[in-house]
C-alpha cells in the first residue's frame, strides 16, 4: 500500500466509539502491535494481520490493473472496509480496527482513519 498512511496510535484508535481492537501490521502482514478492549488472543491478532496484509496487496494489484487497463485512477489505495455479522474491520495503510457494528459511527471512524 503506497497511499496515505494512518499514524494514529493504538490508544487513539481505541478511543473511537465502537472500536473494540486496534492493530498495526507490516506491509508483509506481520503483526507489529495490537491493543484490545475485547478478548482477542495474540494468535487472532497475528492471523488478522496476515489477512490484512494480503488484502492490501490484492487491492494494490487490482487498483494498478484498473488504472493501467481502463484509465480509471484507483491509486494510491487509501483504505478499505469489510462488514459481516456483528463486526466491521476498517483498514488504513498498516493500521486496522475491529468495530462492533451496533456501537459505532462508521463514518466518523472512516474520517478519522482517512485524515491520517
C-alpha atoms as a PDB file:
ATOM      1  CA  UNK A   1       0.000   0.000   0.000  1.00  0.00           C
ATOM      2  CA  UNK A   2       1.601   3.201  -1.138  1.00  0.00           C
ATOM      3  CA  UNK A   3      -1.201   5.655  -0.285  1.00  0.00           C
ATOM      4  CA  UNK A   4      -1.764   7.842   2.729  1.00  0.00           C
ATOM      5  CA  UNK A   5      -0.648   6.152   5.905  1.00  0.00           C
ATOM      6  CA  UNK A   6      -2.650   6.343   9.115  1.00  0.00           C
ATOM      7  CA  UNK A   7      -0.417   7.348  12.027  1.00  0.00           C
ATOM      8  CA  UNK A   8      -2.943   7.293  14.861  1.00  0.00           C
ATOM      9  CA  UNK A   9      -1.661   5.417  17.900  1.00  0.00           C
ATOM     10  CA  UNK A  10      -3.392   2.278  19.113  1.00  0.00           C
ATOM     11  CA  UNK A  11      -4.702   4.213  22.120  1.00  0.00           C
ATOM     12  CA  UNK A  12      -6.141   6.913  19.822  1.00  0.00           C
ATOM     13  CA  UNK A  13      -7.788   4.267  17.656  1.00  0.00           C
ATOM     14  CA  UNK A  14      -9.311   2.532  20.704  1.00  0.00           C
ATOM     15  CA  UNK A  15     -10.888   5.836  21.791  1.00  0.00           C
ATOM     16  CA  UNK A  16     -13.057   5.894  18.649  1.00  0.00           C
ATOM     17  CA  UNK A  17     -16.613   4.896  19.573  1.00  0.00           C
ATOM     18  CA  UNK A  18     -17.311   1.230  18.864  1.00  0.00           C
ATOM     19  CA  UNK A  19     -13.679   0.223  18.296  1.00  0.00           C
ATOM     20  CA  UNK A  20     -13.002  -2.997  20.210  1.00  0.00           C
ATOM     21  CA  UNK A  21      -9.467  -3.702  18.966  1.00  0.00           C
ATOM     22  CA  UNK A  22      -6.761  -1.926  17.003  1.00  0.00           C
ATOM     23  CA  UNK A  23      -3.616  -3.233  15.403  1.00  0.00           C
ATOM     24  CA  UNK A  24      -0.579  -2.338  13.371  1.00  0.00           C
ATOM     25  CA  UNK A  25       0.916  -4.721  10.839  1.00  0.00           C
ATOM     26  CA  UNK A  26       3.807  -4.605   8.384  1.00  0.00           C
ATOM     27  CA  UNK A  27       3.275  -4.362   4.624  1.00  0.00           C
ATOM     28  CA  UNK A  28       4.010  -8.104   4.515  1.00  0.00           C
ATOM     29  CA  UNK A  29       1.241  -8.769   7.039  1.00  0.00           C
ATOM     30  CA  UNK A  30       3.301  -9.403  10.164  1.00  0.00           C
ATOM     31  CA  UNK A  31       1.841  -8.250  13.469  1.00  0.00           C
ATOM     32  CA  UNK A  32       3.708  -5.225  14.831  1.00  0.00           C
ATOM     33  CA  UNK A  33       1.472  -4.371  17.798  1.00  0.00           C
ATOM     34  CA  UNK A  34      -2.136  -4.505  18.941  1.00  0.00           C
ATOM     35  CA  UNK A  35      -4.389  -3.493  21.809  1.00  0.00           C
ATOM     36  CA  UNK A  36      -7.846  -4.747  22.549  1.00  0.00           C
ATOM     37  CA  UNK A  37     -10.845  -3.913  24.709  1.00  0.00           C
ATOM     38  CA  UNK A  38     -12.251  -7.375  23.905  1.00  0.00           C
ATOM     39  CA  UNK A  39     -10.858 -10.856  24.438  1.00  0.00           C
ATOM     40  CA  UNK A  40      -8.530 -11.074  21.458  1.00  0.00           C
ATOM     41  CA  UNK A  41      -5.690 -13.552  21.799  1.00  0.00           C
ATOM     42  CA  UNK A  42      -2.400 -12.725  20.097  1.00  0.00           C
ATOM     43  CA  UNK A  43      -2.974 -15.657  17.726  1.00  0.00           C
ATOM     44  CA  UNK A  44      -6.140 -13.959  16.421  1.00  0.00           C
ATOM     45  CA  UNK A  45      -4.330 -10.615  16.052  1.00  0.00           C
ATOM     46  CA  UNK A  46      -1.492 -12.350  14.202  1.00  0.00           C
ATOM     47  CA  UNK A  47      -3.864 -14.118  11.815  1.00  0.00           C
ATOM     48  CA  UNK A  48      -5.791 -10.881  11.219  1.00  0.00           C
ATOM     49  CA  UNK A  49      -2.539  -9.097  10.365  1.00  0.00           C
ATOM     50  CA  UNK A  50      -1.788 -11.733   7.724  1.00  0.00           C
ATOM     51  CA  UNK A  51      -5.250 -11.328   6.227  1.00  0.00           C
ATOM     52  CA  UNK A  52      -4.974  -7.517   6.196  1.00  0.00           C
ATOM     53  CA  UNK A  53      -1.538  -7.564   4.556  1.00  0.00           C
ATOM     54  CA  UNK A  54      -2.831  -9.959   1.895  1.00  0.00           C
ATOM     55  CA  UNK A  55      -5.955  -7.883   1.211  1.00  0.00           C
ATOM     56  CA  UNK A  56      -3.822  -4.726   0.907  1.00  0.00           C
ATOM     57  CA  UNK A  57      -1.605  -6.458  -1.663  1.00  0.00           C
ATOM     58  CA  UNK A  58      -4.622  -7.773  -3.577  1.00  0.00           C
ATOM     59  CA  UNK A  59      -6.261  -4.341  -3.708  1.00  0.00           C
ATOM     60  CA  UNK A  60      -2.964  -2.728  -4.783  1.00  0.00           C
ATOM     61  CA  UNK A  61      -2.721  -5.209  -7.674  1.00  0.00           C
ATOM     62  CA  UNK A  62      -6.354  -4.723  -8.663  1.00  0.00           C
ATOM     63  CA  UNK A  63      -6.118  -0.927  -8.457  1.00  0.00           C
ATOM     64  CA  UNK A  64      -2.933  -0.860 -10.540  1.00  0.00           C
ATOM     65  CA  UNK A  65      -4.529  -3.067 -13.196  1.00  0.00           C
ATOM     66  CA  UNK A  66      -7.714  -0.990 -13.411  1.00  0.00           C
ATOM     67  CA  UNK A  67      -5.698   2.208 -13.555  1.00  0.00           C
ATOM     68  CA  UNK A  68      -3.499   0.966 -16.406  1.00  0.00           C
ATOM     69  CA  UNK A  69      -6.061  -1.034 -18.385  1.00  0.00           C
ATOM     70  CA  UNK A  70      -9.091   1.214 -18.134  1.00  0.00           C
ATOM     71  CA  UNK A  71      -7.614   4.660 -17.458  1.00  0.00           C
ATOM     72  CA  UNK A  72      -9.506   4.863 -14.167  1.00  0.00           C
ATOM     73  CA  UNK A  73      -7.408   6.349 -11.368  1.00  0.00           C
ATOM     74  CA  UNK A  74      -7.569   3.899  -8.448  1.00  0.00           C
ATOM     75  CA  UNK A  75      -4.137   4.565  -6.939  1.00  0.00           C
ATOM     76  CA  UNK A  76      -2.864   5.132  -4.404  1.00  0.00           C
ATOM     77  CA  UNK A  77      -5.009   2.958  -2.149  1.00  0.00           C
ATOM     78  CA  UNK A  78      -6.314   4.793   0.908  1.00  0.00           C
ATOM     79  CA  UNK A  79      -8.387   2.383   2.979  1.00  0.00           C
ATOM     80  CA  UNK A  80     -10.844  -0.494   2.845  1.00  0.00           C
ATOM     81  CA  UNK A  81     -13.600  -1.971   4.973  1.00  0.00           C
ATOM     82  CA  UNK A  82     -15.342  -5.317   5.424  1.00  0.00           C
ATOM     83  CA  UNK A  83     -18.664  -5.713   7.220  1.00  0.00           C
ATOM     84  CA  UNK A  84     -20.267  -9.007   8.177  1.00  0.00           C
ATOM     85  CA  UNK A  85     -22.403 -10.288  11.021  1.00  0.00           C
ATOM     86  CA  UNK A  86     -21.894  -8.077  14.078  1.00  0.00           C
ATOM     87  CA  UNK A  87     -18.449  -6.793  13.112  1.00  0.00           C
ATOM     88  CA  UNK A  88     -16.684  -4.388  10.796  1.00  0.00           C
ATOM     89  CA  UNK A  89     -12.972  -4.205  10.064  1.00  0.00           C
ATOM     90  CA  UNK A  90     -11.598  -0.950   8.704  1.00  0.00           C
ATOM     91  CA  UNK A  91      -8.015  -0.708   7.446  1.00  0.00           C
ATOM     92  CA  UNK A  92      -5.978   2.355   6.522  1.00  0.00           C
ATOM     93  CA  UNK A  93      -2.408   1.674   5.482  1.00  0.00           C
ATOM     94  CA  UNK A  94      -0.951  -0.726   8.006  1.00  0.00           C
ATOM     95  CA  UNK A  95      -3.400   0.046  10.804  1.00  0.00           C
ATOM     96  CA  UNK A  96      -6.754  -1.577  11.315  1.00  0.00           C
ATOM     97  CA  UNK A  97      -9.636  -1.643  13.756  1.00  0.00           C
ATOM     98  CA  UNK A  98     -12.291  -4.175  14.766  1.00  0.00           C
ATOM     99  CA  UNK A  99     -15.569  -2.345  15.225  1.00  0.00           C
ATOM    100  CA  UNK A 100     -18.811  -3.524  16.810  1.00  0.00           C
ATOM    101  CA  UNK A 101     -21.418  -2.677  14.161  1.00  0.00           C
ATOM    102  CA  UNK A 102     -24.157  -1.552  16.545  1.00  0.00           C
ATOM    103  CA  UNK A 103     -21.895   0.641  18.691  1.00  0.00           C
ATOM    104  CA  UNK A 104     -20.031   2.601  16.051  1.00  0.00           C
ATOM    105  CA  UNK A 105     -20.415   5.628  13.878  1.00  0.00           C
ATOM    106  CA  UNK A 106     -18.638   4.142  10.874  1.00  0.00           C
ATOM    107  CA  UNK A 107     -18.476   7.484   9.046  1.00  0.00           C
ATOM    108  CA  UNK A 108     -16.592   9.063  11.970  1.00  0.00           C
ATOM    109  CA  UNK A 109     -14.135   6.160  12.093  1.00  0.00           C
ATOM    110  CA  UNK A 110     -13.516   6.259   8.352  1.00  0.00           C
ATOM    111  CA  UNK A 111     -12.990  10.033   8.509  1.00  0.00           C
ATOM    112  CA  UNK A 112     -10.565   9.633  11.421  1.00  0.00           C
ATOM    113  CA  UNK A 113      -8.599   6.967   9.558  1.00  0.00           C
ATOM    114  CA  UNK A 114      -8.805   8.892   6.273  1.00  0.00           C
ATOM    115  CA  UNK A 115      -7.420  12.055   7.822  1.00  0.00           C
ATOM    116  CA  UNK A 116      -4.197  10.318   8.758  1.00  0.00           C
END
